[in-house]
Amino acid sequence: MSRILVIEDEFLLAAHIGGLLEDDGYDVIGPVGTLDEAVKLAEDEELCGALLDVNIVGGKVDDVADILARRGVPFVFVTGYGRDHLPIHFRDAFVVNKPFDDQDLLQRVRGFSS
């Protein structure tokens, strides 16, 4: 299974990430730009990993990260904010900083299955 949930509310960046992953052979779920939809997909979908923007339309992705962690789904925070903006219990999680290098992002995603 190579299904990646992408949670990103900036349209152009979401489209770029989605295209990048699809070109690399992944089935992209999303991109999702609302927290309600992100929570539902995190709970219901079979996933091999997820990319989470920390701030979605002014709200935090803490609940989504908690759901994914509980389900054992690996994820990476993709953010322009610093590590101090991550949920406190995920401060040691993997982070890809915006702006990011495409190959760095793909390397993290490829690591989900290893």
PDB file of N, CA and C in Angstrom:
ATOM      1  N   MET A   1       0.846  -1.183   0.000  1.00  0.00           N
ATOM      2  CA  MET A   1       0.000   0.000   0.000  1.00  0.00           C
ATOM      3  C   MET A   1       0.887   1.241   0.000  1.00  0.00           C
ATOM      4  N   SER A   2       0.548   2.191  -0.843  1.00  0.00           N
ATOM      5  CA  SER A   2       1.355   3.416  -0.929  1.00  0.00           C
ATOM      6  C   SER A   2       0.454   4.647  -0.894  1.00  0.00           C
ATOM      7  N   ARG A   3      -0.440   4.673   0.064  1.00  0.00           N
ATOM      8  CA  ARG A   3      -1.398   5.775   0.191  1.00  0.00           C
ATOM      9  C   ARG A   3      -0.903   6.792   1.218  1.00  0.00           C
ATOM     10  N   ILE A   4      -0.738   8.033   0.761  1.00  0.00           N
ATOM     11  CA  ILE A   4      -0.223   9.105   1.609  1.00  0.00           C
ATOM     12  C   ILE A   4      -1.299  10.169   1.781  1.00  0.00           C
ATOM     13  N   LEU A   5      -1.622  10.488   3.028  1.00  0.00           N
ATOM     14  CA  LEU A   5      -2.548  11.572   3.337  1.00  0.00           C
ATOM     15  C   LEU A   5      -1.757  12.879   3.354  1.00  0.00           C
ATOM     16  N   VAL A   6      -2.237  13.856   2.600  1.00  0.00           N
ATOM     17  CA  VAL A   6      -1.592  15.168   2.555  1.00  0.00           C
ATOM     18  C   VAL A   6      -2.553  16.197   3.126  1.00  0.00           C
ATOM     19  N   ILE A   7      -2.130  16.853   4.195  1.00  0.00           N
ATOM     20  CA  ILE A   7      -2.934  17.889   4.838  1.00  0.00           C
ATOM     21  C   ILE A   7      -2.191  19.208   4.668  1.00  0.00           C
ATOM     22  N   GLU A   8      -2.739  20.047   3.806  1.00  0.00           N
ATOM     23  CA  GLU A   8      -2.111  21.324   3.454  1.00  0.00           C
ATOM     24  C   GLU A   8      -3.196  22.257   2.947  1.00  0.00           C
ATOM     25  N   ASP A   9      -3.277  23.474   3.500  1.00  0.00           N
ATOM     26  CA  ASP A   9      -4.340  24.400   3.113  1.00  0.00           C
ATOM     27  C   ASP A   9      -3.914  25.454   2.091  1.00  0.00           C
ATOM     28  N   GLU A  10      -2.649  25.513   1.746  1.00  0.00           N
ATOM     29  CA  GLU A  10      -2.192  26.435   0.705  1.00  0.00           C
ATOM     30  C   GLU A  10      -2.304  25.723  -0.639  1.00  0.00           C
ATOM     31  N   PHE A  11      -3.210  26.197  -1.492  1.00  0.00           N
ATOM     32  CA  PHE A  11      -3.560  25.485  -2.718  1.00  0.00           C
ATOM     33  C   PHE A  11      -2.362  25.138  -3.593  1.00  0.00           C
ATOM     34  N   LEU A  12      -1.526  26.116  -3.893  1.00  0.00           N
ATOM     35  CA  LEU A  12      -0.405  25.849  -4.803  1.00  0.00           C
ATOM     36  C   LEU A  12       0.584  24.850  -4.210  1.00  0.00           C
ATOM     37  N   LEU A  13       0.851  24.979  -2.930  1.00  0.00           N
ATOM     38  CA  LEU A  13       1.759  24.043  -2.278  1.00  0.00           C
ATOM     39  C   LEU A  13       1.136  22.646  -2.214  1.00  0.00           C
ATOM     40  N   ALA A  14      -0.157  22.584  -1.915  1.00  0.00           N
ATOM     41  CA  ALA A  14      -0.859  21.297  -1.869  1.00  0.00           C
ATOM     42  C   ALA A  14      -0.802  20.609  -3.230  1.00  0.00           C
ATOM     43  N   ALA A  15      -1.035  21.367  -4.287  1.00  0.00           N
ATOM     44  CA  ALA A  15      -0.989  20.807  -5.640  1.00  0.00           C
ATOM     45  C   ALA A  15       0.429  20.334  -5.976  1.00  0.00           C
ATOM     46  N   HIS A  16       1.416  21.109  -5.570  1.00  0.00           N
ATOM     47  CA  HIS A  16       2.811  20.721  -5.826  1.00  0.00           C
ATOM     48  C   HIS A  16       3.151  19.415  -5.103  1.00  0.00           C
ATOM     49  N   ILE A  17       2.810  19.322  -3.827  1.00  0.00           N
ATOM     50  CA  ILE A  17       3.101  18.112  -3.051  1.00  0.00           C
ATOM     51  C   ILE A  17       2.363  16.914  -3.643  1.00  0.00           C
ATOM     52  N   GLY A  18       1.083  17.116  -3.965  1.00  0.00           N
ATOM     53  CA  GLY A  18       0.308  16.028  -4.549  1.00  0.00           C
ATOM     54  C   GLY A  18       0.916  15.523  -5.846  1.00  0.00           C
ATOM     55  N   GLY A  19       1.298  16.430  -6.725  1.00  0.00           N
ATOM     56  CA  GLY A  19       1.918  16.047  -7.995  1.00  0.00           C
ATOM     57  C   GLY A  19       3.258  15.359  -7.798  1.00  0.00           C
ATOM     58  N   LEU A  20       4.043  15.867  -6.873  1.00  0.00           N
ATOM     59  CA  LEU A  20       5.345  15.283  -6.571  1.00  0.00           C
ATOM     60  C   LEU A  20       5.198  13.826  -6.116  1.00  0.00           C
ATOM     61  N   LEU A  21       4.249  13.591  -5.213  1.00  0.00           N
ATOM     62  CA  LEU A  21       4.034  12.236  -4.700  1.00  0.00           C
ATOM     63  C   LEU A  21       3.470  11.311  -5.774  1.00  0.00           C
ATOM     64  N   GLU A  22       2.512  11.813  -6.549  1.00  0.00           N
ATOM     65  CA  GLU A  22       1.937  10.988  -7.621  1.00  0.00           C
ATOM     66  C   GLU A  22       3.000  10.608  -8.642  1.00  0.00           C
ATOM     67  N   ASP A  23       3.865  11.559  -8.993  1.00  0.00           N
ATOM     68  CA  ASP A  23       4.947  11.273  -9.941  1.00  0.00           C
ATOM     69  C   ASP A  23       5.906  10.215  -9.398  1.00  0.00           C
ATOM     70  N   ASP A  24       5.972  10.107  -8.082  1.00  0.00           N
ATOM     71  CA  ASP A  24       6.851   9.119  -7.448  1.00  0.00           C
ATOM     72  C   ASP A  24       6.119   7.801  -7.172  1.00  0.00           C
ATOM     73  N   GLY A  25       4.866   7.692  -7.648  1.00  0.00           N
ATOM     74  CA  GLY A  25       4.138   6.435  -7.562  1.00  0.00           C
ATOM     75  C   GLY A  25       3.205   6.274  -6.382  1.00  0.00           C
ATOM     76  N   TYR A  26       2.967   7.337  -5.646  1.00  0.00           N
ATOM     77  CA  TYR A  26       2.085   7.255  -4.486  1.00  0.00           C
ATOM     78  C   TYR A  26       0.648   7.581  -4.854  1.00  0.00           C
ATOM     79  N   ASP A  27      -0.271   6.988  -4.122  1.00  0.00           N
ATOM     80  CA  ASP A  27      -1.692   7.307  -4.203  1.00  0.00           C
ATOM     81  C   ASP A  27      -1.943   8.377  -3.149  1.00  0.00           C
ATOM     82  N   VAL A  28      -2.268   9.584  -3.583  1.00  0.00           N
ATOM     83  CA  VAL A  28      -2.422  10.718  -2.676  1.00  0.00           C
ATOM     84  C   VAL A  28      -3.871  10.828  -2.220  1.00  0.00           C
ATOM     85  N   ILE A  29      -4.047  10.860  -0.908  1.00  0.00           N
ATOM     86  CA  ILE A  29      -5.351  11.108  -0.312  1.00  0.00           C
ATOM     87  C   ILE A  29      -5.343  12.580   0.063  1.00  0.00           C
ATOM     88  N   GLY A  30      -6.204  13.355  -0.571  1.00  0.00           N
ATOM     89  CA  GLY A  30      -6.214  14.795  -0.395  1.00  0.00           C
ATOM     90  C   GLY A  30      -5.652  15.441  -1.650  1.00  0.00           C
ATOM     91  N   PRO A  31      -5.015  16.539  -1.514  1.00  0.00           N
ATOM     92  CA  PRO A  31      -4.711  17.270  -0.304  1.00  0.00           C
ATOM     93  C   PRO A  31      -5.977  17.773   0.403  1.00  0.00           C
ATOM     94  N   VAL A  32      -5.894  17.782   1.717  1.00  0.00           N
ATOM     95  CA  VAL A  32      -6.995  18.161   2.584  1.00  0.00           C
ATOM     96  C   VAL A  32      -6.702  19.537   3.153  1.00  0.00           C
ATOM     97  N   GLY A  33      -7.681  20.426   3.084  1.00  0.00           N
ATOM     98  CA  GLY A  33      -7.486  21.788   3.560  1.00  0.00           C
ATOM     99  C   GLY A  33      -8.347  22.183   4.736  1.00  0.00           C
ATOM    100  N   THR A  34      -9.074  21.210   5.344  1.00  0.00           N
ATOM    101  CA  THR A  34      -9.866  21.516   6.534  1.00  0.00           C
ATOM    102  C   THR A  34      -9.583  20.480   7.619  1.00  0.00           C
ATOM    103  N   LEU A  35      -9.666  20.908   8.856  1.00  0.00           N
ATOM    104  CA  LEU A  35      -9.389  19.991   9.961  1.00  0.00           C
ATOM    105  C   LEU A  35     -10.451  18.910  10.087  1.00  0.00           C
ATOM    106  N   ASP A  36     -11.716  19.241   9.864  1.00  0.00           N
ATOM    107  CA  ASP A  36     -12.773  18.229   9.962  1.00  0.00           C
ATOM    108  C   ASP A  36     -12.535  17.093   8.977  1.00  0.00           C
ATOM    109  N   GLU A  37     -12.230  17.434   7.737  1.00  0.00           N
ATOM    110  CA  GLU A  37     -11.965  16.410   6.733  1.00  0.00           C
ATOM    111  C   GLU A  37     -10.686  15.637   7.070  1.00  0.00           C
ATOM    112  N   ALA A  38      -9.672  16.333   7.576  1.00  0.00           N
ATOM    113  CA  ALA A  38      -8.416  15.682   7.938  1.00  0.00           C
ATOM    114  C   ALA A  38      -8.632  14.647   9.041  1.00  0.00           C
ATOM    115  N   VAL A  39      -9.415  14.991  10.044  1.00  0.00           N
ATOM    116  CA  VAL A  39      -9.707  14.056  11.135  1.00  0.00           C
ATOM    117  C   VAL A  39     -10.426  12.830  10.598  1.00  0.00           C
ATOM    118  N   LYS A  40     -11.432  13.047   9.759  1.00  0.00           N
ATOM    119  CA  LYS A  40     -12.203  11.927   9.210  1.00  0.00           C
ATOM    120  C   LYS A  40     -11.307  10.989   8.396  1.00  0.00           C
ATOM    121  N   LEU A  41     -10.493  11.541   7.527  1.00  0.00           N
ATOM    122  CA  LEU A  41      -9.612  10.713   6.700  1.00  0.00           C
ATOM    123  C   LEU A  41      -8.551  10.006   7.544  1.00  0.00           C
ATOM    124  N   ALA A  42      -8.023  10.689   8.540  1.00  0.00           N
ATOM    125  CA  ALA A  42      -7.026  10.068   9.416  1.00  0.00           C
ATOM    126  C   ALA A  42      -7.626   8.881  10.170  1.00  0.00           C
ATOM    127  N   GLU A  43      -8.896   8.981  10.510  1.00  0.00           N
ATOM    128  CA  GLU A  43      -9.573   7.893  11.223  1.00  0.00           C
ATOM    129  C   GLU A  43      -9.954   6.742  10.312  1.00  0.00           C
ATOM    130  N   ASP A  44     -10.378   7.044   9.075  1.00  0.00           N
ATOM    131  CA  ASP A  44     -11.046   6.057   8.232  1.00  0.00           C
ATOM    132  C   ASP A  44     -10.190   5.415   7.146  1.00  0.00           C
ATOM    133  N   GLU A  45      -9.192   6.100   6.647  1.00  0.00           N
ATOM    134  CA  GLU A  45      -8.447   5.622   5.481  1.00  0.00           C
ATOM    135  C   GLU A  45      -7.312   4.683   5.871  1.00  0.00           C
ATOM    136  N   GLU A  46      -7.030   3.729   4.997  1.00  0.00           N
ATOM    137  CA  GLU A  46      -5.838   2.893   5.129  1.00  0.00           C
ATOM    138  C   GLU A  46      -4.682   3.691   4.519  1.00  0.00           C
ATOM    139  N   LEU A  47      -3.667   3.953   5.320  1.00  0.00           N
ATOM    140  CA  LEU A  47      -2.573   4.831   4.909  1.00  0.00           C
ATOM    141  C   LEU A  47      -1.229   4.198   5.213  1.00  0.00           C
ATOM    142  N   CYS A  48      -0.242   4.560   4.396  1.00  0.00           N
ATOM    143  CA  CYS A  48       1.124   4.153   4.733  1.00  0.00           C
ATOM    144  C   CYS A  48       1.885   5.321   5.347  1.00  0.00           C
ATOM    145  N   GLY A  49       1.300   6.529   5.310  1.00  0.00           N
ATOM    146  CA  GLY A  49       1.944   7.687   5.914  1.00  0.00           C
ATOM    147  C   GLY A  49       1.143   8.953   5.660  1.00  0.00           C
ATOM    148  N   ALA A  50       1.614  10.040   6.256  1.00  0.00           N
ATOM    149  CA  ALA A  50       0.919  11.322   6.110  1.00  0.00           C
ATOM    150  C   ALA A  50       1.914  12.478   6.204  1.00  0.00           C
ATOM    151  N   LEU A  51       1.570  13.550   5.507  1.00  0.00           N
ATOM    152  CA  LEU A  51       2.290  14.816   5.591  1.00  0.00           C
ATOM    153  C   LEU A  51       1.333  15.834   6.190  1.00  0.00           C
ATOM    154  N   LEU A  52       1.726  16.457   7.288  1.00  0.00           N
ATOM    155  CA  LEU A  52       0.842  17.360   8.016  1.00  0.00           C
ATOM    156  C   LEU A  52       1.403  18.766   8.079  1.00  0.00           C
ATOM    157  N   ASP A  53       0.653  19.710   7.537  1.00  0.00           N
ATOM    158  CA  ASP A  53       0.951  21.111   7.804  1.00  0.00           C
ATOM    159  C   ASP A  53       0.511  21.346   9.250  1.00  0.00           C
ATOM    160  N   VAL A  54       1.255  22.097  10.005  1.00  0.00           N
ATOM    161  CA  VAL A  54       0.952  22.298  11.425  1.00  0.00           C
ATOM    162  C   VAL A  54      -0.290  23.151  11.620  1.00  0.00           C
ATOM    163  N   ASN A  55      -0.494  24.117  10.741  1.00  0.00           N
ATOM    164  CA  ASN A  55      -1.579  25.084  10.905  1.00  0.00           C
ATOM    165  C   ASN A  55      -2.483  25.015   9.680  1.00  0.00           C
ATOM    166  N   ILE A  56      -3.734  24.601   9.882  1.00  0.00           N
ATOM    167  CA  ILE A  56      -4.704  24.508   8.790  1.00  0.00           C
ATOM    168  C   ILE A  56      -5.825  25.513   9.039  1.00  0.00           C
ATOM    169  N   VAL A  57      -5.887  26.517   8.203  1.00  0.00           N
ATOM    170  CA  VAL A  57      -6.896  27.569   8.296  1.00  0.00           C
ATOM    171  C   VAL A  57      -7.003  28.071   9.745  1.00  0.00           C
ATOM    172  N   GLY A  58      -5.840  28.313  10.353  1.00  0.00           N
ATOM    173  CA  GLY A  58      -5.808  28.863  11.702  1.00  0.00           C
ATOM    174  C   GLY A  58      -5.947  27.841  12.818  1.00  0.00           C
ATOM    175  N   GLY A  59      -6.209  26.587  12.488  1.00  0.00           N
ATOM    176  CA  GLY A  59      -6.336  25.547  13.509  1.00  0.00           C
ATOM    177  C   GLY A  59      -5.126  24.634  13.517  1.00  0.00           C
ATOM    178  N   LYS A  60      -4.892  23.991  14.626  1.00  0.00           N
ATOM    179  CA  LYS A  60      -3.746  23.092  14.791  1.00  0.00           C
ATOM    180  C   LYS A  60      -4.121  21.657  14.437  1.00  0.00           C
ATOM    181  N   VAL A  61      -3.167  20.900  13.931  1.00  0.00           N
ATOM    182  CA  VAL A  61      -3.398  19.511  13.512  1.00  0.00           C
ATOM    183  C   VAL A  61      -3.140  18.506  14.638  1.00  0.00           C
ATOM    184  N   ASP A  62      -3.130  18.955  15.857  1.00  0.00           N
ATOM    185  CA  ASP A  62      -2.829  18.090  16.999  1.00  0.00           C
ATOM    186  C   ASP A  62      -3.695  16.826  17.017  1.00  0.00           C
ATOM    187  N   ASP A  63      -5.011  16.985  16.831  1.00  0.00           N
ATOM    188  CA  ASP A  63      -5.913  15.826  16.878  1.00  0.00           C
ATOM    189  C   ASP A  63      -5.600  14.839  15.759  1.00  0.00           C
ATOM    190  N   VAL A  64      -5.266  15.346  14.595  1.00  0.00           N
ATOM    191  CA  VAL A  64      -4.928  14.476  13.468  1.00  0.00           C
ATOM    192  C   VAL A  64      -3.653  13.699  13.782  1.00  0.00           C
ATOM    193  N   ALA A  65      -2.646  14.378  14.306  1.00  0.00           N
ATOM    194  CA  ALA A  65      -1.393  13.707  14.673  1.00  0.00           C
ATOM    195  C   ALA A  65      -1.650  12.635  15.733  1.00  0.00           C
ATOM    196  N   ASP A  66      -2.504  12.931  16.699  1.00  0.00           N
ATOM    197  CA  ASP A  66      -2.842  11.949  17.741  1.00  0.00           C
ATOM    198  C   ASP A  66      -3.502  10.713  17.143  1.00  0.00           C
ATOM    199  N   ILE A  67      -4.434  10.910  16.224  1.00  0.00           N
ATOM    200  CA  ILE A  67      -5.127   9.786  15.576  1.00  0.00           C
ATOM    201  C   ILE A  67      -4.130   8.927  14.808  1.00  0.00           C
ATOM    202  N   LEU A  68      -3.290   9.575  14.014  1.00  0.00           N
ATOM    203  CA  LEU A  68      -2.304   8.833  13.221  1.00  0.00           C
ATOM    204  C   LEU A  68      -1.348   8.056  14.124  1.00  0.00           C
ATOM    205  N   ALA A  69      -0.878   8.687  15.193  1.00  0.00           N
ATOM    206  CA  ALA A  69       0.043   8.015  16.115  1.00  0.00           C
ATOM    207  C   ALA A  69      -0.637   6.807  16.758  1.00  0.00           C
ATOM    208  N   ARG A  70      -1.870   6.967  17.177  1.00  0.00           N
ATOM    209  CA  ARG A  70      -2.621   5.865  17.798  1.00  0.00           C
ATOM    210  C   ARG A  70      -2.790   4.698  16.828  1.00  0.00           C
ATOM    211  N   ARG A  71      -2.972   5.020  15.545  1.00  0.00           N
ATOM    212  CA  ARG A  71      -3.150   3.991  14.519  1.00  0.00           C
ATOM    213  C   ARG A  71      -1.825   3.414  14.023  1.00  0.00           C
ATOM    214  N   GLY A  72      -0.707   4.001  14.434  1.00  0.00           N
ATOM    215  CA  GLY A  72       0.595   3.522  13.987  1.00  0.00           C
ATOM    216  C   GLY A  72       0.954   3.965  12.585  1.00  0.00           C
ATOM    217  N   VAL A  73       0.349   5.056  12.124  1.00  0.00           N
ATOM    218  CA  VAL A  73       0.630   5.593  10.788  1.00  0.00           C
ATOM    219  C   VAL A  73       1.760   6.626  10.912  1.00  0.00           C
ATOM    220  N   PRO A  74       2.879   6.409  10.247  1.00  0.00           N
ATOM    221  CA  PRO A  74       3.969   7.384  10.333  1.00  0.00           C
ATOM    222  C   PRO A  74       3.602   8.691   9.632  1.00  0.00           C
ATOM    223  N   PHE A  75       4.126   9.772  10.159  1.00  0.00           N
ATOM    224  CA  PHE A  75       3.852  11.079   9.550  1.00  0.00           C
ATOM    225  C   PHE A  75       5.020  12.016   9.753  1.00  0.00           C
ATOM    226  N   VAL A  76       5.016  13.058   8.927  1.00  0.00           N
ATOM    227  CA  VAL A  76       6.016  14.120   8.985  1.00  0.00           C
ATOM    228  C   VAL A  76       5.269  15.438   9.004  1.00  0.00           C
ATOM    229  N   PHE A  77       5.704  16.343   9.854  1.00  0.00           N
ATOM    230  CA  PHE A  77       5.165  17.698   9.835  1.00  0.00           C
ATOM    231  C   PHE A  77       5.887  18.482   8.748  1.00  0.00           C
ATOM    232  N   VAL A  78       5.130  19.155   7.901  1.00  0.00           N
ATOM    233  CA  VAL A  78       5.684  20.016   6.860  1.00  0.00           C
ATOM    234  C   VAL A  78       5.235  21.422   7.227  1.00  0.00           C
ATOM    235  N   THR A  79       6.178  22.254   7.651  1.00  0.00           N
ATOM    236  CA  THR A  79       5.782  23.526   8.246  1.00  0.00           C
ATOM    237  C   THR A  79       6.790  24.636   8.004  1.00  0.00           C
ATOM    238  N   GLY A  80       6.273  25.826   7.980  1.00  0.00           N
ATOM    239  CA  GLY A  80       7.110  27.008   7.915  1.00  0.00           C
ATOM    240  C   GLY A  80       7.369  27.569   9.302  1.00  0.00           C
ATOM    241  N   TYR A  81       6.687  27.012  10.297  1.00  0.00           N
ATOM    242  CA  TYR A  81       6.882  27.399  11.687  1.00  0.00           C
ATOM    243  C   TYR A  81       7.993  26.534  12.275  1.00  0.00           C
ATOM    244  N   GLY A  82       8.512  26.938  13.375  1.00  0.00           N
ATOM    245  CA  GLY A  82       9.571  26.159  14.012  1.00  0.00           C
ATOM    246  C   GLY A  82       9.025  24.961  14.773  1.00  0.00           C
ATOM    247  N   ARG A  83       9.931  24.141  15.226  1.00  0.00           N
ATOM    248  CA  ARG A  83       9.591  22.949  15.993  1.00  0.00           C
ATOM    249  C   ARG A  83       8.769  23.297  17.240  1.00  0.00           C
ATOM    250  N   ASP A  84       8.958  24.501  17.777  1.00  0.00           N
ATOM    251  CA  ASP A  84       8.225  24.900  18.980  1.00  0.00           C
ATOM    252  C   ASP A  84       6.727  25.087  18.726  1.00  0.00           C
ATOM    253  N   HIS A  85       6.288  25.058  17.473  1.00  0.00           N
ATOM    254  CA  HIS A  85       4.864  25.146  17.140  1.00  0.00           C
ATOM    255  C   HIS A  85       4.219  23.768  16.988  1.00  0.00           C
ATOM    256  N   LEU A  86       5.011  22.715  17.126  1.00  0.00           N
ATOM    257  CA  LEU A  86       4.463  21.362  17.057  1.00  0.00           C
ATOM    258  C   LEU A  86       3.712  21.052  18.346  1.00  0.00           C
ATOM    259  N   PRO A  87       2.770  20.110  18.273  1.00  0.00           N
ATOM    260  CA  PRO A  87       2.140  19.660  19.518  1.00  0.00           C
ATOM    261  C   PRO A  87       3.233  19.205  20.490  1.00  0.00           C
ATOM    262  N   ILE A  88       3.101  19.540  21.749  1.00  0.00           N
ATOM    263  CA  ILE A  88       4.166  19.318  22.726  1.00  0.00           C
ATOM    264  C   ILE A  88       4.662  17.878  22.749  1.00  0.00           C
ATOM    265  N   HIS A  89       3.769  16.917  22.625  1.00  0.00           N
ATOM    266  CA  HIS A  89       4.183  15.511  22.693  1.00  0.00           C
ATOM    267  C   HIS A  89       4.722  14.988  21.359  1.00  0.00           C
ATOM    268  N   PHE A  90       4.808  15.875  20.348  1.00  0.00           N
ATOM    269  CA  PHE A  90       5.403  15.501  19.062  1.00  0.00           C
ATOM    270  C   PHE A  90       6.604  16.374  18.723  1.00  0.00           C
ATOM    271  N   ARG A  91       7.210  17.009  19.717  1.00  0.00           N
ATOM    272  CA  ARG A  91       8.334  17.910  19.456  1.00  0.00           C
ATOM    273  C   ARG A  91       9.539  17.189  18.876  1.00  0.00           C
ATOM    274  N   ASP A  92       9.598  15.870  19.048  1.00  0.00           N
ATOM    275  CA  ASP A  92      10.721  15.103  18.495  1.00  0.00           C
ATOM    276  C   ASP A  92      10.376  14.444  17.166  1.00  0.00           C
ATOM    277  N   ALA A  93       9.198  14.753  16.629  1.00  0.00           N
ATOM    278  CA  ALA A  93       8.756  14.156  15.363  1.00  0.00           C
ATOM    279  C   ALA A  93       9.607  14.697  14.209  1.00  0.00           C
ATOM    280  N   PHE A  94       9.552  13.962  13.091  1.00  0.00           N
ATOM    281  CA  PHE A  94      10.237  14.436  11.893  1.00  0.00           C
ATOM    282  C   PHE A  94       9.560  15.695  11.371  1.00  0.00           C
ATOM    283  N   VAL A  95      10.385  16.640  10.907  1.00  0.00           N
ATOM    284  CA  VAL A  95       9.897  17.899  10.360  1.00  0.00           C
ATOM    285  C   VAL A  95      10.613  18.162   9.045  1.00  0.00           C
ATOM    286  N   VAL A  96       9.845  18.582   8.049  1.00  0.00           N
ATOM    287  CA  VAL A  96      10.403  19.117   6.811  1.00  0.00           C
ATOM    288  C   VAL A  96      10.008  20.580   6.793  1.00  0.00           C
ATOM    289  N   ASN A  97      10.999  21.450   6.781  1.00  0.00           N
ATOM    290  CA  ASN A  97      10.736  22.880   6.855  1.00  0.00           C
ATOM    291  C   ASN A  97      10.410  23.465   5.494  1.00  0.00           C
ATOM    292  N   LYS A  98       9.400  24.347   5.475  1.00  0.00           N
ATOM    293  CA  LYS A  98       9.060  25.105   4.273  1.00  0.00           C
ATOM    294  C   LYS A  98       9.963  26.324   4.227  1.00  0.00           C
ATOM    295  N   PRO A  99      10.441  26.714   3.093  1.00  0.00           N
ATOM    296  CA  PRO A  99      10.353  25.989   1.829  1.00  0.00           C
ATOM    297  C   PRO A  99      11.243  24.751   1.892  1.00  0.00           C
ATOM    298  N   PHE A 100      10.827  23.712   1.202  1.00  0.00           N
ATOM    299  CA  PHE A 100      11.554  22.447   1.258  1.00  0.00           C
ATOM    300  C   PHE A 100      12.111  22.088  -0.101  1.00  0.00           C
ATOM    301  N   ASP A 101      13.104  21.228  -0.064  1.00  0.00           N
ATOM    302  CA  ASP A 101      13.661  20.635  -1.270  1.00  0.00           C
ATOM    303  C   ASP A 101      12.814  19.403  -1.591  1.00  0.00           C
ATOM    304  N   ASP A 102      12.374  19.275  -2.833  1.00  0.00           N
ATOM    305  CA  ASP A 102      11.504  18.158  -3.221  1.00  0.00           C
ATOM    306  C   ASP A 102      12.106  16.808  -2.852  1.00  0.00           C
ATOM    307  N   GLN A 103      13.389  16.643  -3.068  1.00  0.00           N
ATOM    308  CA  GLN A 103      14.028  15.358  -2.779  1.00  0.00           C
ATOM    309  C   GLN A 103      14.066  15.062  -1.279  1.00  0.00           C
ATOM    310  N   ASP A 104      14.205  16.101  -0.459  1.00  0.00           N
ATOM    311  CA  ASP A 104      14.156  15.902   0.997  1.00  0.00           C
ATOM    312  C   ASP A 104      12.783  15.397   1.424  1.00  0.00           C
ATOM    313  N   LEU A 105      11.740  15.985   0.859  1.00  0.00           N
ATOM    314  CA  LEU A 105      10.380  15.560   1.185  1.00  0.00           C
ATOM    315  C   LEU A 105      10.149  14.121   0.738  1.00  0.00           C
ATOM    316  N   LEU A 106      10.552  13.809  -0.479  1.00  0.00           N
ATOM    317  CA  LEU A 106      10.377  12.445  -0.982  1.00  0.00           C
ATOM    318  C   LEU A 106      11.171  11.439  -0.158  1.00  0.00           C
ATOM    319  N   GLN A 107      12.349  11.807   0.278  1.00  0.00           N
ATOM    320  CA  GLN A 107      13.160  10.903   1.102  1.00  0.00           C
ATOM    321  C   GLN A 107      12.417  10.559   2.387  1.00  0.00           C
ATOM    322  N   ARG A 108      11.790  11.523   3.013  1.00  0.00           N
ATOM    323  CA  ARG A 108      11.013  11.277   4.240  1.00  0.00           C
ATOM    324  C   ARG A 108       9.838  10.353   3.947  1.00  0.00           C
ATOM    325  N   VAL A 109       9.131  10.609   2.852  1.00  0.00           N
ATOM    326  CA  VAL A 109       7.978   9.781   2.508  1.00  0.00           C
ATOM    327  C   VAL A 109       8.422   8.359   2.190  1.00  0.00           C
ATOM    328  N   ARG A 110       9.489   8.220   1.470  1.00  0.00           N
ATOM    329  CA  ARG A 110      10.005   6.884   1.145  1.00  0.00           C
ATOM    330  C   ARG A 110      10.391   6.127   2.410  1.00  0.00           C
ATOM    331  N   GLY A 111      10.772   6.857   3.442  1.00  0.00           N
ATOM    332  CA  GLY A 111      11.134   6.246   4.712  1.00  0.00           C
ATOM    333  C   GLY A 111       9.948   5.653   5.460  1.00  0.00           C
ATOM    334  N   PHE A 112       8.718   6.009   5.073  1.00  0.00           N
ATOM    335  CA  PHE A 112       7.541   5.459   5.745  1.00  0.00           C
ATOM    336  C   PHE A 112       7.472   3.953   5.606  1.00  0.00           C
ATOM    337  N   SER A 113       7.944   3.437   4.478  1.00  0.00           N
ATOM    338  CA  SER A 113       7.805   1.999   4.233  1.00  0.00           C
ATOM    339  C   SER A 113       9.050   1.211   4.619  1.00  0.00           C
ATOM    340  N   SER A 114      10.027   1.878   5.180  1.00  0.00           N
ATOM    341  CA  SER A 114      11.240   1.137   5.563  1.00  0.00           C
ATOM    342  C   SER A 114      11.256   0.817   7.036  1.00  0.00           C
TER     343      SER A 114
END
